[in-house]
Amino acid sequence: MEKKLSKKALTKSFHNWFYGHLTCFSQEHMQTFGYLCSMLPLVEDLYDNEDDKAKAMNTYTAFFNTEPQLGTLIVGITAGLEEARAGGAEDVDDETINGLRAGLMGPIAGIGDSLVVGTVIPILLGIAMGMSTGGSPLGAIFYIVVWNLFAYLGMRFLYFKGYSLGTRAVEFLIGAQGDAIRESVSILGGMVIGAVSATWVSVTTSLKLLNEAGEPYLVLQDKLNEVFPGLLTAIFVIACWFLMAKKRMSPIKVMLLLVVVAFVGVLVGFFNPGLVY
């Protein structure tokens, strides 16, 4: 007998994922429990027998982790698969569902990290920082409102699009088109990060060499600007990327290191904080 998920169950499932995809997050399980929470309303809507519910929920105890915003598409796809399984589809079982989830985790994470984390968030933060000039709170308000609207509406669209497309979305995401999308988005993300860094990060030196009369005969920053404007900024940005991407140093440790570098730089006269007492 064919079974159909109700709009109420689908909406509740989406909200469970939107608010709880990091439920009980740990290095061992990552987003597994968040996935279980999102599937619970669907299983309760599709099955009457408690044993059938337990068996269906057990499918989603397998490890899961991806980029959570774009990863909503996977949750929507499996909602459609679970509906098909409850309706008696013989070609949909635990192995089919978990194989699909495992197969999509990587491609979705690659696209999502580049698109959301590497492109959308830096653009929104760049606009917000511009609005925060002079200490205005408008930048923070703008980012909070726009990001949450973008995330909610975008994730909702992806969830129901995944539900309606089902396995047809897999061919698009894993095939040659998916590879092209990931590469294009990665390039775009790199360009955005570079533009935001060049616009909002400024590292300069106050180092000067004085002659016997106490007048500067060499201003290092002026010489650097003649050769390579923004050289110190580029060095600092690349160094931070290298420490986090290659040395696997956490952002907090990198920020603490920058504080130490800035402190030492001020003590030796390389940096000038511009403080007046």
Protein backbone atom coordinates (compact mmCIF):
# COMPACT_ATOMS: atom_id res chain seq x y z
CA MET A 1 0.00 0.00 0.00
CA GLU A 2 1.40 3.39 -1.01
CA LYS A 3 2.03 5.78 1.86
CA LYS A 4 2.43 9.53 1.61
CA LEU A 5 4.17 11.84 4.05
CA SER A 6 2.06 14.70 5.35
CA LYS A 7 3.18 18.31 4.90
CA LYS A 8 3.14 18.66 8.70
CA ALA A 9 5.59 15.77 9.15
CA LEU A 10 7.90 17.09 6.43
CA THR A 11 7.89 20.59 7.90
CA LYS A 12 8.61 19.27 11.39
CA SER A 13 11.42 17.13 10.00
CA PHE A 14 12.96 20.14 8.29
CA HIS A 15 12.73 22.26 11.45
CA ASN A 16 14.35 19.49 13.48
CA TRP A 17 17.29 19.53 11.06
CA PHE A 18 17.45 23.32 10.84
CA TYR A 19 17.55 23.82 14.62
CA GLY A 20 19.16 20.56 15.66
CA HIS A 21 21.62 19.32 13.04
CA LEU A 22 24.38 19.66 15.66
CA THR A 23 22.38 17.88 18.39
CA CYS A 24 24.74 15.97 20.74
CA PHE A 25 27.60 16.79 18.38
CA SER A 26 30.84 14.88 19.05
CA GLN A 27 33.92 13.81 17.13
CA GLU A 28 32.60 10.27 17.13
CA HIS A 29 29.08 10.92 15.85
CA MET A 30 29.19 14.41 14.28
CA GLN A 31 25.68 15.08 12.86
CA THR A 32 24.30 11.55 13.36
CA PHE A 33 21.95 12.47 16.20
CA GLY A 34 20.76 15.57 14.37
CA TYR A 35 19.87 13.33 11.43
CA LEU A 36 17.97 10.98 13.74
CA CYS A 37 15.99 13.93 15.13
CA SER A 38 15.04 15.06 11.64
CA MET A 39 13.88 11.58 10.59
CA LEU A 40 11.80 10.90 13.72
CA PRO A 41 8.65 12.82 12.60
CA LEU A 42 8.75 11.04 9.23
CA VAL A 43 9.06 7.58 10.74
CA GLU A 44 6.24 8.29 13.17
CA ASP A 45 4.06 9.47 10.30
CA LEU A 46 4.78 6.49 8.05
CA TYR A 47 4.70 3.53 10.44
CA ASP A 48 2.14 2.38 12.98
CA ASN A 49 3.98 -0.61 14.39
CA GLU A 50 6.63 0.21 17.02
CA ASP A 51 8.99 -2.48 15.75
CA ASP A 52 8.81 -1.02 12.24
CA LYS A 53 9.57 2.43 13.67
CA ALA A 54 12.58 1.11 15.57
CA LYS A 55 13.88 -0.71 12.50
CA ALA A 56 13.51 2.39 10.32
CA MET A 57 15.22 4.66 12.87
CA ASN A 58 18.08 2.20 13.22
CA THR A 59 18.95 2.92 9.58
CA TYR A 60 20.00 6.46 10.47
CA THR A 61 22.34 5.53 13.33
CA ALA A 62 25.18 5.27 10.80
CA PHE A 63 27.78 8.03 10.92
CA PHE A 64 26.87 11.23 9.08
CA ASN A 65 28.63 14.54 8.59
CA THR A 66 28.51 17.15 5.84
CA GLU A 67 28.07 20.88 5.31
CA PRO A 68 24.77 21.41 7.19
CA GLN A 69 23.14 24.09 5.01
CA LEU A 70 23.58 22.43 1.63
CA GLY A 71 23.41 19.04 3.35
CA THR A 72 19.70 19.65 3.92
CA LEU A 73 19.28 18.33 0.39
CA ILE A 74 20.41 14.88 1.56
CA VAL A 75 17.86 14.87 4.36
CA GLY A 76 15.14 15.72 1.87
CA ILE A 77 16.24 12.95 -0.50
CA THR A 78 16.20 10.33 2.26
CA ALA A 79 12.76 11.53 3.31
CA GLY A 80 11.56 10.54 -0.13
CA LEU A 81 13.38 7.21 0.06
CA GLU A 82 11.88 6.44 3.47
CA GLU A 83 8.45 7.21 2.07
CA ALA A 84 9.09 4.82 -0.82
CA ARG A 85 10.32 2.11 1.55
CA ALA A 86 7.25 2.45 3.76
CA GLY A 87 5.11 2.18 0.62
CA GLY A 88 6.64 -1.21 -0.19
CA ALA A 89 9.38 -0.33 -2.69
CA GLU A 90 11.56 -3.43 -2.87
CA ASP A 91 14.64 -1.66 -4.19
CA VAL A 92 14.89 0.66 -1.15
CA ASP A 93 16.47 -0.82 1.99
CA ASP A 94 18.97 0.14 4.72
CA GLU A 95 21.92 -0.41 2.39
CA THR A 96 20.40 1.77 -0.33
CA ILE A 97 19.68 4.67 2.00
CA ASN A 98 23.01 4.60 3.84
CA GLY A 99 24.91 4.10 0.60
CA LEU A 100 23.29 7.22 -0.78
CA ARG A 101 23.98 9.20 2.40
CA ALA A 102 27.63 8.12 2.47
CA GLY A 103 28.03 8.83 -1.24
CA LEU A 104 26.64 12.36 -0.99
CA MET A 105 28.39 13.48 2.20
CA GLY A 106 31.70 14.30 0.49
CA PRO A 107 30.43 16.01 -2.68
CA ILE A 108 27.91 18.10 -0.73
CA ALA A 109 30.54 19.10 1.84
CA GLY A 110 32.92 20.17 -0.93
CA ILE A 111 30.33 22.36 -2.62
CA GLY A 112 28.80 23.66 0.63
CA ASP A 113 32.07 24.62 2.30
CA SER A 114 33.18 26.58 -0.76
CA LEU A 115 29.80 28.15 -1.48
CA VAL A 116 28.48 28.90 2.01
CA VAL A 117 31.56 29.19 4.23
CA GLY A 118 33.96 30.41 1.56
CA THR A 119 31.69 32.73 -0.43
CA VAL A 120 28.34 33.72 1.10
CA ILE A 121 29.49 34.28 4.68
CA PRO A 122 32.56 36.40 3.73
CA ILE A 123 30.39 38.54 1.43
CA LEU A 124 27.81 39.13 4.18
CA LEU A 125 30.55 39.85 6.74
CA GLY A 126 32.22 42.26 4.33
CA ILE A 127 28.96 44.22 3.94
CA ALA A 128 28.36 44.08 7.70
CA MET A 129 31.83 45.41 8.50
CA GLY A 130 31.28 48.27 6.11
CA MET A 131 28.03 49.13 7.91
CA SER A 132 29.79 48.93 11.29
CA THR A 133 32.15 51.83 10.55
CA GLY A 134 32.36 54.14 13.54
CA GLY A 135 30.96 51.53 15.93
CA SER A 136 27.47 51.38 14.42
CA PRO A 137 25.44 48.29 15.51
CA LEU A 138 23.74 48.14 12.09
CA GLY A 139 26.40 45.80 10.74
CA ALA A 140 25.79 43.17 13.42
CA ILE A 141 22.02 43.48 13.05
CA PHE A 142 22.29 43.20 9.27
CA TYR A 143 24.41 40.05 9.45
CA ILE A 144 22.23 38.31 12.03
CA VAL A 145 18.99 39.02 10.16
CA VAL A 146 20.21 38.38 6.61
CA TRP A 147 22.19 35.25 7.45
CA ASN A 148 19.33 33.64 9.35
CA LEU A 149 16.83 34.46 6.60
CA PHE A 150 19.21 33.15 3.95
CA ALA A 151 19.92 29.97 5.90
CA TYR A 152 16.30 29.24 6.76
CA LEU A 153 14.78 29.92 3.34
CA GLY A 154 17.66 28.29 1.48
CA MET A 155 17.63 25.16 3.63
CA ARG A 156 13.85 24.88 3.40
CA PHE A 157 14.02 25.09 -0.39
CA LEU A 158 16.75 22.44 -0.54
CA TYR A 159 14.88 20.08 1.79
CA PHE A 160 11.68 20.05 -0.23
CA LYS A 161 13.59 20.07 -3.53
CA GLY A 162 15.51 17.00 -2.38
CA TYR A 163 12.26 15.34 -1.34
CA SER A 164 10.68 16.00 -4.73
CA LEU A 165 13.73 15.06 -6.83
CA GLY A 166 14.70 11.96 -4.88
CA THR A 167 17.50 9.91 -6.41
CA ARG A 168 17.51 12.04 -9.57
CA ALA A 169 19.54 14.62 -7.62
CA VAL A 170 22.30 12.07 -7.01
CA GLU A 171 23.29 11.80 -10.67
CA PHE A 172 23.65 15.57 -10.87
CA LEU A 173 25.71 15.95 -7.67
CA ILE A 174 28.08 13.01 -8.12
CA GLY A 175 28.64 13.10 -11.89
CA ALA A 176 30.77 15.38 -14.05
CA GLN A 177 28.41 18.29 -13.45
CA GLY A 178 28.96 17.98 -9.71
CA ASP A 179 32.74 18.05 -10.18
CA ALA A 180 32.45 21.17 -12.33
CA ILE A 181 30.27 22.87 -9.72
CA ARG A 182 32.71 22.07 -6.90
CA GLU A 183 35.68 23.39 -8.88
CA SER A 184 33.86 26.57 -9.93
CA VAL A 185 32.61 27.31 -6.43
CA SER A 186 36.08 26.69 -4.95
CA ILE A 187 37.59 29.22 -7.36
CA LEU A 188 34.85 31.74 -6.59
CA GLY A 189 35.32 31.21 -2.85
CA GLY A 190 39.06 31.84 -3.14
CA MET A 191 38.42 35.07 -5.05
CA VAL A 192 35.94 36.28 -2.43
CA ILE A 193 38.28 35.49 0.47
CA GLY A 194 41.08 37.32 -1.32
CA ALA A 195 38.90 40.36 -1.99
CA VAL A 196 37.62 40.52 1.59
CA SER A 197 41.17 40.19 2.95
CA ALA A 198 42.49 42.93 0.68
CA THR A 199 39.61 45.23 1.62
CA TRP A 200 39.30 44.75 5.38
CA VAL A 201 42.70 43.50 6.57
CA SER A 202 45.46 46.08 6.83
CA VAL A 203 48.88 45.33 8.28
CA THR A 204 51.47 48.11 8.18
CA THR A 205 54.78 48.79 9.91
CA SER A 206 55.92 51.94 11.67
CA LEU A 207 59.62 51.04 11.50
CA LYS A 208 61.82 53.99 10.62
CA LEU A 209 65.59 54.44 10.50
CA LEU A 210 66.82 57.80 11.79
CA ASN A 211 69.96 59.75 10.96
CA GLU A 212 72.20 61.53 13.45
CA ALA A 213 69.88 64.54 13.43
CA GLY A 214 66.98 62.34 14.50
CA GLU A 215 65.22 62.62 11.15
CA PRO A 216 63.96 59.52 9.32
CA TYR A 217 65.96 58.64 6.23
CA LEU A 218 64.21 55.30 5.66
CA VAL A 219 60.50 54.68 6.22
CA LEU A 220 60.06 50.95 5.65
CA GLN A 221 56.33 51.11 4.89
CA ASP A 222 56.86 53.70 2.15
CA LYS A 223 59.50 51.51 0.52
CA LEU A 224 57.25 48.46 0.72
CA ASN A 225 54.41 50.42 -0.87
CA GLU A 226 56.66 51.33 -3.79
CA VAL A 227 57.65 47.70 -4.37
CA PHE A 228 54.56 45.71 -3.30
CA PRO A 229 51.58 47.58 -1.80
CA GLY A 230 49.89 45.44 0.84
CA LEU A 231 52.83 43.03 1.14
CA LEU A 232 52.60 42.69 4.94
CA THR A 233 48.86 42.09 4.72
CA ALA A 234 49.38 39.35 2.14
CA ILE A 235 52.10 37.73 4.28
CA PHE A 236 49.88 37.70 7.36
CA VAL A 237 46.84 36.32 5.50
CA ILE A 238 48.89 33.59 3.80
CA ALA A 239 50.57 32.73 7.11
CA CYS A 240 47.19 32.34 8.82
CA TRP A 241 45.93 30.15 5.97
CA PHE A 242 49.08 28.02 6.11
CA LEU A 243 48.81 27.47 9.87
CA MET A 244 45.13 26.49 9.71
CA ALA A 245 45.07 24.59 6.41
CA LYS A 246 48.47 22.90 6.39
CA LYS A 247 49.48 22.73 10.04
CA ARG A 248 45.91 22.06 11.26
CA MET A 249 46.17 24.77 13.90
CA SER A 250 42.83 25.86 15.34
CA PRO A 251 41.58 29.43 14.64
CA ILE A 252 41.76 30.24 18.36
CA LYS A 253 45.45 29.30 18.52
CA VAL A 254 46.13 31.36 15.38
CA MET A 255 44.39 34.39 16.91
CA LEU A 256 46.42 34.00 20.13
CA LEU A 257 49.60 33.78 18.05
CA LEU A 258 48.64 36.99 16.23
CA VAL A 259 48.16 38.71 19.59
CA VAL A 260 51.66 37.63 20.64
CA VAL A 261 53.15 38.79 17.32
CA ALA A 262 51.38 42.14 17.63
CA PHE A 263 52.54 42.56 21.26
CA VAL A 264 56.17 41.78 20.42
CA GLY A 265 55.98 43.95 17.30
CA VAL A 266 54.84 46.95 19.34
CA LEU A 267 57.59 46.38 21.94
CA VAL A 268 60.35 46.37 19.32
CA GLY A 269 58.85 49.27 17.40
CA PHE A 270 57.81 47.36 14.29
CA PHE A 271 54.11 48.12 14.81
CA ASN A 272 52.48 51.29 16.09
CA PRO A 273 49.11 50.77 17.77
CA GLY A 274 48.36 54.49 17.46
CA LEU A 275 47.43 54.85 21.11
CA VAL A 276 47.66 58.31 22.69
CA TYR A 277 47.80 58.74 26.47
